[in-house]
Amino acid sequence: MQRYIVRTILFAALLLTLAAAAWAQHPVICSNAGVAGSWGSTLTGTQFLPTGTVASFAAVNRTTYDYAGNFSGTQTRTSNGNVSRVTFRGTYTMNSDCTGTKTVKSFDQSGNLVNTATQDFVLVNNAKEIFEIFTSVTLANGTNIPVVITGHAAKLFPLPWVYGWETIS
């Protein structure tokens, strides 16, 4: 019996050592591979419209990022209580320090350009969340509007093979 207990303890120690070594070999990926996948996000903030109106803004997005630096998705947004739905697509650049930039083009349901926005973001929580802030918004007519809009995104279905380990907790 004592031999069985010693063998079990040694086997468990070996497994823990191997797991720690595997984890050390696979750090969080701050690259397009860490961003690739489907995300859900919320955006909130304020827009300073050309009419002089200060408008509250909120949105919910579903976005899919690929490994090549492209993304697309859908958004339901409200600006001062006026609800609209748009589709969007764009490109992103991911830096090795887990920061990045995005350029987003939003289109109304008829396919007309609504606006173009740029955003800075940071990948956090083992590549399972993104914090972002808008850095510019340009309307389809070329008018730039000041905004203070931030967002939070969470990966919908983390893909273990992207990170190099079998399970993600």
N, C-alpha and C. Protein backbone atom coordinates (compact mmCIF):
# COMPACT_ATOMS: atom_id res chain seq x y z
N MET A 1 0.82 -1.19 0.00
CA MET A 1 0.00 0.00 0.00
C MET A 1 0.87 1.26 0.00
N GLN A 2 1.94 1.23 0.84
CA GLN A 2 2.81 2.38 0.92
C GLN A 2 3.51 2.60 -0.43
N ARG A 3 3.85 1.54 -1.11
CA ARG A 3 4.49 1.62 -2.42
C ARG A 3 3.55 2.29 -3.43
N TYR A 4 2.26 1.98 -3.36
CA TYR A 4 1.26 2.56 -4.25
C TYR A 4 1.14 4.06 -4.00
N ILE A 5 1.15 4.48 -2.74
CA ILE A 5 1.03 5.89 -2.39
C ILE A 5 2.25 6.66 -2.90
N VAL A 6 3.45 6.10 -2.70
CA VAL A 6 4.67 6.76 -3.16
C VAL A 6 4.66 6.88 -4.68
N ARG A 7 4.26 5.83 -5.37
CA ARG A 7 4.20 5.84 -6.84
C ARG A 7 3.18 6.89 -7.32
N THR A 8 2.04 6.98 -6.66
CA THR A 8 1.02 7.97 -7.03
C THR A 8 1.54 9.39 -6.82
N ILE A 9 2.21 9.64 -5.71
CA ILE A 9 2.77 10.96 -5.43
C ILE A 9 3.82 11.33 -6.47
N LEU A 10 4.70 10.40 -6.80
CA LEU A 10 5.72 10.66 -7.81
C LEU A 10 5.10 10.94 -9.18
N PHE A 11 4.07 10.18 -9.53
CA PHE A 11 3.39 10.39 -10.81
C PHE A 11 2.71 11.76 -10.84
N ALA A 12 2.06 12.15 -9.75
CA ALA A 12 1.42 13.46 -9.68
C ALA A 12 2.45 14.58 -9.78
N ALA A 13 3.59 14.42 -9.12
CA ALA A 13 4.65 15.43 -9.19
C ALA A 13 5.18 15.56 -10.61
N LEU A 14 5.32 14.43 -11.30
CA LEU A 14 5.78 14.45 -12.69
C LEU A 14 4.78 15.20 -13.57
N LEU A 15 3.49 14.93 -13.39
CA LEU A 15 2.47 15.62 -14.18
C LEU A 15 2.48 17.13 -13.92
N LEU A 16 2.61 17.53 -12.68
CA LEU A 16 2.65 18.95 -12.35
C LEU A 16 3.88 19.62 -12.96
N THR A 17 5.01 18.94 -12.95
CA THR A 17 6.23 19.48 -13.54
C THR A 17 6.07 19.65 -15.04
N LEU A 18 5.50 18.65 -15.70
CA LEU A 18 5.28 18.74 -17.14
C LEU A 18 4.29 19.84 -17.49
N ALA A 19 3.23 19.98 -16.70
CA ALA A 19 2.25 21.04 -16.95
C ALA A 19 2.87 22.41 -16.79
N ALA A 20 3.69 22.59 -15.77
CA ALA A 20 4.36 23.89 -15.55
C ALA A 20 5.31 24.19 -16.69
N ALA A 21 6.05 23.18 -17.16
CA ALA A 21 6.97 23.39 -18.28
C ALA A 21 6.22 23.74 -19.56
N ALA A 22 5.11 23.07 -19.81
CA ALA A 22 4.31 23.37 -21.00
C ALA A 22 3.76 24.79 -20.93
N TRP A 23 3.27 25.20 -19.76
CA TRP A 23 2.73 26.55 -19.60
C TRP A 23 3.82 27.58 -19.85
N ALA A 24 5.02 27.36 -19.34
CA ALA A 24 6.12 28.31 -19.51
C ALA A 24 6.52 28.44 -20.97
N GLN A 25 6.34 27.41 -21.76
CA GLN A 25 6.71 27.45 -23.17
C GLN A 25 5.67 28.15 -24.02
N HIS A 26 4.49 28.42 -23.52
CA HIS A 26 3.40 28.99 -24.29
C HIS A 26 2.87 30.26 -23.64
N PRO A 27 3.63 31.35 -23.72
CA PRO A 27 3.13 32.59 -23.14
C PRO A 27 1.95 33.11 -23.95
N VAL A 28 1.24 34.05 -23.38
CA VAL A 28 0.11 34.67 -24.08
C VAL A 28 0.61 35.27 -25.39
N ILE A 29 -0.15 35.06 -26.42
CA ILE A 29 0.24 35.52 -27.75
C ILE A 29 -0.31 36.92 -28.00
N CYS A 30 0.55 37.91 -28.06
CA CYS A 30 0.14 39.26 -28.42
C CYS A 30 0.45 39.45 -29.89
N SER A 31 -0.36 38.80 -30.71
CA SER A 31 -0.23 38.85 -32.16
C SER A 31 -1.63 38.65 -32.73
N ASN A 32 -1.72 38.62 -34.04
CA ASN A 32 -3.02 38.39 -34.67
C ASN A 32 -3.63 37.07 -34.22
N ALA A 33 -2.81 36.09 -33.90
CA ALA A 33 -3.33 34.80 -33.44
C ALA A 33 -4.09 34.96 -32.13
N GLY A 34 -3.66 35.88 -31.27
CA GLY A 34 -4.36 36.10 -30.01
C GLY A 34 -5.70 36.81 -30.18
N VAL A 35 -5.83 37.58 -31.25
CA VAL A 35 -7.06 38.32 -31.51
C VAL A 35 -8.05 37.50 -32.33
N ALA A 36 -7.54 36.65 -33.21
CA ALA A 36 -8.40 35.90 -34.14
C ALA A 36 -9.50 35.15 -33.40
N GLY A 37 -10.72 35.26 -33.92
CA GLY A 37 -11.87 34.58 -33.34
C GLY A 37 -13.06 35.52 -33.26
N SER A 38 -14.08 35.08 -32.56
CA SER A 38 -15.32 35.85 -32.42
C SER A 38 -15.37 36.53 -31.06
N TRP A 39 -15.84 37.77 -31.06
CA TRP A 39 -15.88 38.60 -29.87
C TRP A 39 -17.24 39.26 -29.72
N GLY A 40 -17.64 39.52 -28.50
CA GLY A 40 -18.81 40.33 -28.19
C GLY A 40 -18.32 41.57 -27.46
N SER A 41 -18.89 42.74 -27.75
CA SER A 41 -18.40 43.95 -27.10
C SER A 41 -19.50 44.97 -26.87
N THR A 42 -19.22 45.88 -25.96
CA THR A 42 -20.08 47.04 -25.72
C THR A 42 -19.23 48.29 -25.87
N LEU A 43 -19.88 49.36 -26.31
CA LEU A 43 -19.24 50.66 -26.45
C LEU A 43 -20.15 51.69 -25.77
N THR A 44 -19.57 52.63 -25.07
CA THR A 44 -20.35 53.72 -24.47
C THR A 44 -19.56 55.00 -24.53
N GLY A 45 -20.29 56.12 -24.59
CA GLY A 45 -19.60 57.39 -24.58
C GLY A 45 -20.45 58.53 -25.06
N THR A 46 -19.77 59.56 -25.55
CA THR A 46 -20.40 60.81 -25.96
C THR A 46 -19.88 61.22 -27.33
N GLN A 47 -20.80 61.74 -28.15
CA GLN A 47 -20.46 62.31 -29.45
C GLN A 47 -20.78 63.80 -29.42
N PHE A 48 -19.91 64.59 -30.06
CA PHE A 48 -20.13 66.03 -30.17
C PHE A 48 -20.46 66.30 -31.64
N LEU A 49 -21.75 66.32 -31.96
CA LEU A 49 -22.22 66.37 -33.35
C LEU A 49 -22.01 67.74 -33.98
N PRO A 50 -21.92 67.78 -35.32
CA PRO A 50 -21.71 69.06 -36.03
C PRO A 50 -22.81 70.09 -35.76
N THR A 51 -23.98 69.64 -35.35
CA THR A 51 -25.10 70.55 -35.06
C THR A 51 -24.91 71.27 -33.73
N GLY A 52 -23.86 70.87 -32.99
CA GLY A 52 -23.65 71.45 -31.66
C GLY A 52 -24.28 70.60 -30.57
N THR A 53 -24.98 69.55 -30.96
CA THR A 53 -25.62 68.65 -30.00
C THR A 53 -24.58 67.72 -29.38
N VAL A 54 -24.70 67.53 -28.09
CA VAL A 54 -23.90 66.52 -27.39
C VAL A 54 -24.79 65.30 -27.25
N ALA A 55 -24.37 64.18 -27.84
CA ALA A 55 -25.21 62.98 -27.90
C ALA A 55 -24.57 61.84 -27.13
N SER A 56 -25.39 61.19 -26.30
CA SER A 56 -24.91 59.96 -25.66
C SER A 56 -24.87 58.86 -26.72
N PHE A 57 -23.94 57.92 -26.55
CA PHE A 57 -23.76 56.84 -27.52
C PHE A 57 -23.57 55.53 -26.77
N ALA A 58 -24.19 54.47 -27.27
CA ALA A 58 -23.97 53.12 -26.75
C ALA A 58 -24.17 52.14 -27.88
N ALA A 59 -23.46 51.02 -27.82
CA ALA A 59 -23.59 50.01 -28.87
C ALA A 59 -23.19 48.65 -28.32
N VAL A 60 -23.69 47.63 -29.00
CA VAL A 60 -23.29 46.26 -28.75
C VAL A 60 -22.87 45.67 -30.09
N ASN A 61 -21.75 44.97 -30.11
CA ASN A 61 -21.17 44.43 -31.34
C ASN A 61 -20.96 42.93 -31.24
N ARG A 62 -20.97 42.30 -32.39
CA ARG A 62 -20.42 40.95 -32.56
C ARG A 62 -19.44 41.06 -33.69
N THR A 63 -18.18 40.71 -33.40
CA THR A 63 -17.09 40.91 -34.35
C THR A 63 -16.31 39.62 -34.53
N THR A 64 -15.88 39.36 -35.77
CA THR A 64 -15.00 38.23 -36.05
C THR A 64 -13.70 38.77 -36.65
N TYR A 65 -12.58 38.44 -36.00
CA TYR A 65 -11.25 38.83 -36.44
C TYR A 65 -10.57 37.63 -37.10
N ASP A 66 -9.81 37.88 -38.19
CA ASP A 66 -9.05 36.79 -38.79
C ASP A 66 -7.56 36.97 -38.48
N TYR A 67 -6.76 36.02 -38.94
CA TYR A 67 -5.33 36.03 -38.67
C TYR A 67 -4.58 37.04 -39.54
N ALA A 68 -5.21 37.53 -40.61
CA ALA A 68 -4.55 38.40 -41.58
C ALA A 68 -4.71 39.88 -41.24
N GLY A 69 -5.37 40.21 -40.12
CA GLY A 69 -5.53 41.61 -39.74
C GLY A 69 -6.82 42.25 -40.23
N ASN A 70 -7.82 41.43 -40.54
CA ASN A 70 -9.12 41.93 -40.99
C ASN A 70 -10.20 41.55 -39.97
N PHE A 71 -11.29 42.30 -39.96
CA PHE A 71 -12.42 41.95 -39.11
C PHE A 71 -13.70 42.45 -39.74
N SER A 72 -14.82 41.90 -39.27
CA SER A 72 -16.14 42.35 -39.72
C SER A 72 -17.14 41.99 -38.64
N GLY A 73 -18.31 42.66 -38.70
CA GLY A 73 -19.30 42.35 -37.69
C GLY A 73 -20.58 43.14 -37.86
N THR A 74 -21.40 43.03 -36.82
CA THR A 74 -22.68 43.72 -36.78
C THR A 74 -22.76 44.52 -35.49
N GLN A 75 -23.56 45.60 -35.55
CA GLN A 75 -23.67 46.48 -34.39
C GLN A 75 -25.10 47.00 -34.29
N THR A 76 -25.62 47.02 -33.07
CA THR A 76 -26.83 47.77 -32.77
C THR A 76 -26.38 48.93 -31.91
N ARG A 77 -26.72 50.15 -32.33
CA ARG A 77 -26.25 51.35 -31.65
C ARG A 77 -27.40 52.29 -31.36
N THR A 78 -27.18 53.15 -30.38
CA THR A 78 -28.12 54.21 -30.08
C THR A 78 -27.34 55.50 -29.87
N SER A 79 -27.82 56.56 -30.52
CA SER A 79 -27.24 57.88 -30.35
C SER A 79 -28.36 58.81 -29.94
N ASN A 80 -28.30 59.25 -28.69
CA ASN A 80 -29.36 60.08 -28.10
C ASN A 80 -30.73 59.40 -28.20
N GLY A 81 -30.74 58.09 -28.06
CA GLY A 81 -31.99 57.34 -28.06
C GLY A 81 -32.46 56.88 -29.41
N ASN A 82 -31.78 57.25 -30.50
CA ASN A 82 -32.15 56.81 -31.85
C ASN A 82 -31.40 55.53 -32.17
N VAL A 83 -32.13 54.43 -32.28
CA VAL A 83 -31.52 53.11 -32.49
C VAL A 83 -31.32 52.87 -33.98
N SER A 84 -30.16 52.31 -34.33
CA SER A 84 -29.88 51.89 -35.70
C SER A 84 -29.01 50.64 -35.67
N ARG A 85 -29.02 49.95 -36.79
CA ARG A 85 -28.21 48.75 -36.94
C ARG A 85 -27.28 48.94 -38.12
N VAL A 86 -26.02 48.58 -37.92
CA VAL A 86 -25.03 48.72 -38.98
C VAL A 86 -24.21 47.45 -39.09
N THR A 87 -23.57 47.31 -40.22
CA THR A 87 -22.52 46.31 -40.38
C THR A 87 -21.21 47.09 -40.46
N PHE A 88 -20.13 46.42 -40.18
CA PHE A 88 -18.84 47.10 -40.25
C PHE A 88 -17.76 46.12 -40.66
N ARG A 89 -16.67 46.69 -41.16
CA ARG A 89 -15.50 45.89 -41.50
C ARG A 89 -14.28 46.80 -41.39
N GLY A 90 -13.14 46.18 -41.28
CA GLY A 90 -11.94 46.99 -41.16
C GLY A 90 -10.69 46.15 -41.05
N THR A 91 -9.63 46.84 -40.66
CA THR A 91 -8.33 46.20 -40.49
C THR A 91 -7.79 46.54 -39.10
N TYR A 92 -6.92 45.67 -38.61
CA TYR A 92 -6.28 45.93 -37.33
C TYR A 92 -4.81 45.56 -37.40
N THR A 93 -4.04 46.20 -36.52
CA THR A 93 -2.63 45.89 -36.36
C THR A 93 -2.40 45.58 -34.89
N MET A 94 -1.80 44.44 -34.62
CA MET A 94 -1.52 44.00 -33.25
C MET A 94 -0.03 44.11 -33.01
N ASN A 95 0.37 44.74 -31.92
CA ASN A 95 1.78 44.89 -31.56
C ASN A 95 2.18 43.83 -30.54
N SER A 96 3.47 43.55 -30.45
CA SER A 96 3.95 42.51 -29.53
C SER A 96 3.74 42.87 -28.07
N ASP A 97 3.50 44.15 -27.75
CA ASP A 97 3.25 44.56 -26.36
C ASP A 97 1.77 44.50 -26.00
N CYS A 98 0.96 43.87 -26.84
CA CYS A 98 -0.47 43.66 -26.63
C CYS A 98 -1.31 44.91 -26.89
N THR A 99 -0.75 45.95 -27.49
CA THR A 99 -1.53 47.10 -27.91
C THR A 99 -1.77 46.99 -29.41
N GLY A 100 -2.77 47.72 -29.89
CA GLY A 100 -3.04 47.68 -31.32
C GLY A 100 -3.88 48.85 -31.77
N THR A 101 -4.11 48.92 -33.07
CA THR A 101 -4.94 49.95 -33.66
C THR A 101 -5.91 49.31 -34.64
N LYS A 102 -7.06 49.97 -34.83
CA LYS A 102 -8.07 49.49 -35.77
C LYS A 102 -8.59 50.66 -36.60
N THR A 103 -8.95 50.37 -37.83
CA THR A 103 -9.71 51.29 -38.67
C THR A 103 -11.00 50.58 -39.03
N VAL A 104 -12.14 51.24 -38.75
CA VAL A 104 -13.46 50.62 -38.90
C VAL A 104 -14.32 51.45 -39.84
N LYS A 105 -14.93 50.80 -40.82
CA LYS A 105 -15.91 51.45 -41.70
C LYS A 105 -17.28 50.85 -41.38
N SER A 106 -18.25 51.71 -41.02
CA SER A 106 -19.61 51.28 -40.69
C SER A 106 -20.55 51.61 -41.84
N PHE A 107 -21.49 50.69 -42.11
CA PHE A 107 -22.43 50.83 -43.22
C PHE A 107 -23.85 50.64 -42.73
N ASP A 108 -24.80 51.44 -43.26
CA ASP A 108 -26.20 51.27 -42.90
C ASP A 108 -26.76 50.03 -43.60
N GLN A 109 -28.02 49.73 -43.35
CA GLN A 109 -28.62 48.51 -43.88
C GLN A 109 -28.76 48.52 -45.40
N SER A 110 -28.61 49.69 -46.03
CA SER A 110 -28.63 49.78 -47.50
C SER A 110 -27.23 49.68 -48.09
N GLY A 111 -26.21 49.57 -47.23
CA GLY A 111 -24.84 49.47 -47.71
C GLY A 111 -24.12 50.79 -47.87
N ASN A 112 -24.73 51.88 -47.43
CA ASN A 112 -24.11 53.20 -47.53
C ASN A 112 -23.15 53.42 -46.36
N LEU A 113 -22.00 54.01 -46.65
CA LEU A 113 -21.03 54.33 -45.60
C LEU A 113 -21.64 55.32 -44.62
N VAL A 114 -21.57 55.01 -43.33
CA VAL A 114 -22.06 55.89 -42.27
C VAL A 114 -20.90 56.70 -41.70
N ASN A 115 -19.82 55.99 -41.35
CA ASN A 115 -18.65 56.67 -40.81
C ASN A 115 -17.43 55.77 -40.87
N THR A 116 -16.29 56.39 -40.65
CA THR A 116 -15.02 55.68 -40.51
C THR A 116 -14.44 56.08 -39.17
N ALA A 117 -14.02 55.10 -38.39
CA ALA A 117 -13.48 55.37 -37.06
C ALA A 117 -12.11 54.72 -36.92
N THR A 118 -11.29 55.31 -36.07
CA THR A 118 -10.03 54.68 -35.68
C THR A 118 -10.09 54.45 -34.18
N GLN A 119 -9.44 53.39 -33.75
CA GLN A 119 -9.44 53.02 -32.34
C GLN A 119 -8.08 52.50 -31.94
N ASP A 120 -7.71 52.73 -30.70
CA ASP A 120 -6.56 52.08 -30.08
C ASP A 120 -7.12 51.05 -29.11
N PHE A 121 -6.41 49.94 -28.94
CA PHE A 121 -6.90 48.90 -28.03
C PHE A 121 -5.74 48.18 -27.36
N VAL A 122 -6.07 47.46 -26.32
CA VAL A 122 -5.11 46.62 -25.62
C VAL A 122 -5.76 45.26 -25.36
N LEU A 123 -5.02 44.20 -25.62
CA LEU A 123 -5.45 42.83 -25.40
C LEU A 123 -5.07 42.45 -23.97
N VAL A 124 -6.04 42.00 -23.16
CA VAL A 124 -5.79 41.71 -21.74
C VAL A 124 -6.36 40.35 -21.35
N ASN A 125 -6.09 39.96 -20.11
CA ASN A 125 -6.66 38.74 -19.51
C ASN A 125 -6.39 37.51 -20.37
N ASN A 126 -5.10 37.29 -20.63
CA ASN A 126 -4.69 36.12 -21.43
C ASN A 126 -5.38 36.06 -22.78
N ALA A 127 -5.48 37.21 -23.44
CA ALA A 127 -6.07 37.33 -24.78
C ALA A 127 -7.54 36.93 -24.81
N LYS A 128 -8.24 37.17 -23.69
CA LYS A 128 -9.67 36.89 -23.64
C LYS A 128 -10.52 38.16 -23.60
N GLU A 129 -9.87 39.34 -23.45
CA GLU A 129 -10.60 40.59 -23.39
C GLU A 129 -9.84 41.68 -24.13
N ILE A 130 -10.58 42.68 -24.60
CA ILE A 130 -10.00 43.86 -25.24
C ILE A 130 -10.61 45.09 -24.59
N PHE A 131 -9.76 46.07 -24.25
CA PHE A 131 -10.20 47.40 -23.86
C PHE A 131 -9.86 48.32 -25.01
N GLU A 132 -10.78 49.21 -25.39
CA GLU A 132 -10.53 50.06 -26.55
C GLU A 132 -11.07 51.47 -26.34
N ILE A 133 -10.50 52.40 -27.12
CA ILE A 133 -10.94 53.79 -27.10
C ILE A 133 -10.91 54.32 -28.53
N PHE A 134 -11.93 55.08 -28.89
CA PHE A 134 -11.97 55.70 -30.21
C PHE A 134 -10.99 56.87 -30.23
N THR A 135 -10.25 56.99 -31.33
CA THR A 135 -9.32 58.10 -31.48
C THR A 135 -9.79 59.09 -32.54
N SER A 136 -10.71 58.67 -33.41
CA SER A 136 -11.31 59.60 -34.37
C SER A 136 -12.56 58.97 -34.98
N VAL A 137 -13.49 59.85 -35.39
CA VAL A 137 -14.68 59.44 -36.14
C VAL A 137 -14.88 60.46 -37.26
N THR A 138 -15.00 59.96 -38.49
CA THR A 138 -15.25 60.81 -39.65
C THR A 138 -16.54 60.35 -40.31
N LEU A 139 -17.49 61.27 -40.44
CA LEU A 139 -18.76 60.94 -41.10
C LEU A 139 -18.53 60.72 -42.59
N ALA A 140 -19.52 60.12 -43.26
CA ALA A 140 -19.41 59.82 -44.68
C ALA A 140 -19.17 61.07 -45.52
N ASN A 141 -19.63 62.23 -45.06
CA ASN A 141 -19.44 63.48 -45.81
C ASN A 141 -18.08 64.13 -45.55
N GLY A 142 -17.23 63.46 -44.76
CA GLY A 142 -15.89 63.98 -44.48
C GLY A 142 -15.77 64.80 -43.22
N THR A 143 -16.86 65.03 -42.51
CA THR A 143 -16.84 65.82 -41.28
C THR A 143 -16.30 64.97 -40.13
N ASN A 144 -15.28 65.48 -39.46
CA ASN A 144 -14.75 64.83 -38.27
C ASN A 144 -15.58 65.26 -37.07
N ILE A 145 -15.96 64.29 -36.24
CA ILE A 145 -16.69 64.64 -35.02
C ILE A 145 -15.90 64.18 -33.80
N PRO A 146 -15.74 65.05 -32.83
CA PRO A 146 -15.08 64.64 -31.59
C PRO A 146 -15.95 63.63 -30.84
N VAL A 147 -15.31 62.64 -30.27
CA VAL A 147 -16.02 61.63 -29.48
C VAL A 147 -15.19 61.26 -28.26
N VAL A 148 -15.88 60.80 -27.25
CA VAL A 148 -15.26 60.15 -26.10
C VAL A 148 -16.02 58.83 -25.96
N ILE A 149 -15.50 57.79 -26.59
CA ILE A 149 -16.16 56.48 -26.60
C ILE A 149 -15.13 55.41 -26.23
N THR A 150 -15.49 54.58 -25.26
CA THR A 150 -14.64 53.47 -24.87
C THR A 150 -15.42 52.17 -25.03
N GLY A 151 -14.69 51.07 -25.08
CA GLY A 151 -15.34 49.78 -25.26
C GLY A 151 -14.65 48.67 -24.50
N HIS A 152 -15.37 47.60 -24.33
CA HIS A 152 -14.87 46.39 -23.70
C HIS A 152 -15.38 45.20 -24.50
N ALA A 153 -14.48 44.31 -24.88
CA ALA A 153 -14.84 43.12 -25.65
C ALA A 153 -14.36 41.87 -24.92
N ALA A 154 -15.11 40.79 -25.09
CA ALA A 154 -14.73 39.50 -24.53
C ALA A 154 -14.81 38.46 -25.63
N LYS A 155 -13.83 37.55 -25.63
CA LYS A 155 -13.82 36.49 -26.63
C LYS A 155 -15.00 35.56 -26.36
N LEU A 156 -15.78 35.28 -27.40
CA LEU A 156 -16.98 34.46 -27.24
C LEU A 156 -16.64 33.01 -26.98
N PHE A 157 -15.76 32.46 -27.77
CA PHE A 157 -15.42 31.05 -27.66
C PHE A 157 -13.92 30.91 -27.76
N PRO A 158 -13.20 31.05 -26.63
CA PRO A 158 -11.74 30.94 -26.69
C PRO A 158 -11.32 29.62 -27.34
N LEU A 159 -10.34 29.72 -28.20
CA LEU A 159 -9.86 28.56 -28.94
C LEU A 159 -8.53 28.11 -28.34
N PRO A 160 -8.49 26.98 -27.65
CA PRO A 160 -7.26 26.57 -26.96
C PRO A 160 -6.05 26.44 -27.88
N TRP A 161 -6.25 25.98 -29.12
CA TRP A 161 -5.10 25.79 -30.00
C TRP A 161 -4.46 27.11 -30.41
N VAL A 162 -5.18 28.21 -30.28
CA VAL A 162 -4.59 29.51 -30.59
C VAL A 162 -3.53 29.86 -29.55
N TYR A 163 -3.75 29.47 -28.30
CA TYR A 163 -2.86 29.84 -27.22
C TYR A 163 -1.77 28.82 -26.97
N GLY A 164 -1.94 27.61 -27.48
CA GLY A 164 -0.92 26.60 -27.32
C GLY A 164 -1.11 25.72 -26.10
N TRP A 165 -2.22 25.77 -25.42
CA TRP A 165 -2.48 24.85 -24.34
C TRP A 165 -3.85 24.24 -24.52
N GLU A 166 -4.12 23.21 -23.77
CA GLU A 166 -5.35 22.44 -24.02
C GLU A 166 -6.59 23.04 -23.44
N THR A 167 -6.52 23.64 -22.28
CA THR A 167 -7.71 24.21 -21.67
C THR A 167 -7.43 25.63 -21.20
N ILE A 168 -8.46 26.42 -21.16
CA ILE A 168 -8.34 27.80 -20.69
C ILE A 168 -9.34 27.97 -19.56
N SER A 169 -8.85 28.44 -18.44
CA SER A 169 -9.76 28.63 -17.30
C SER A 169 -10.10 30.07 -17.12
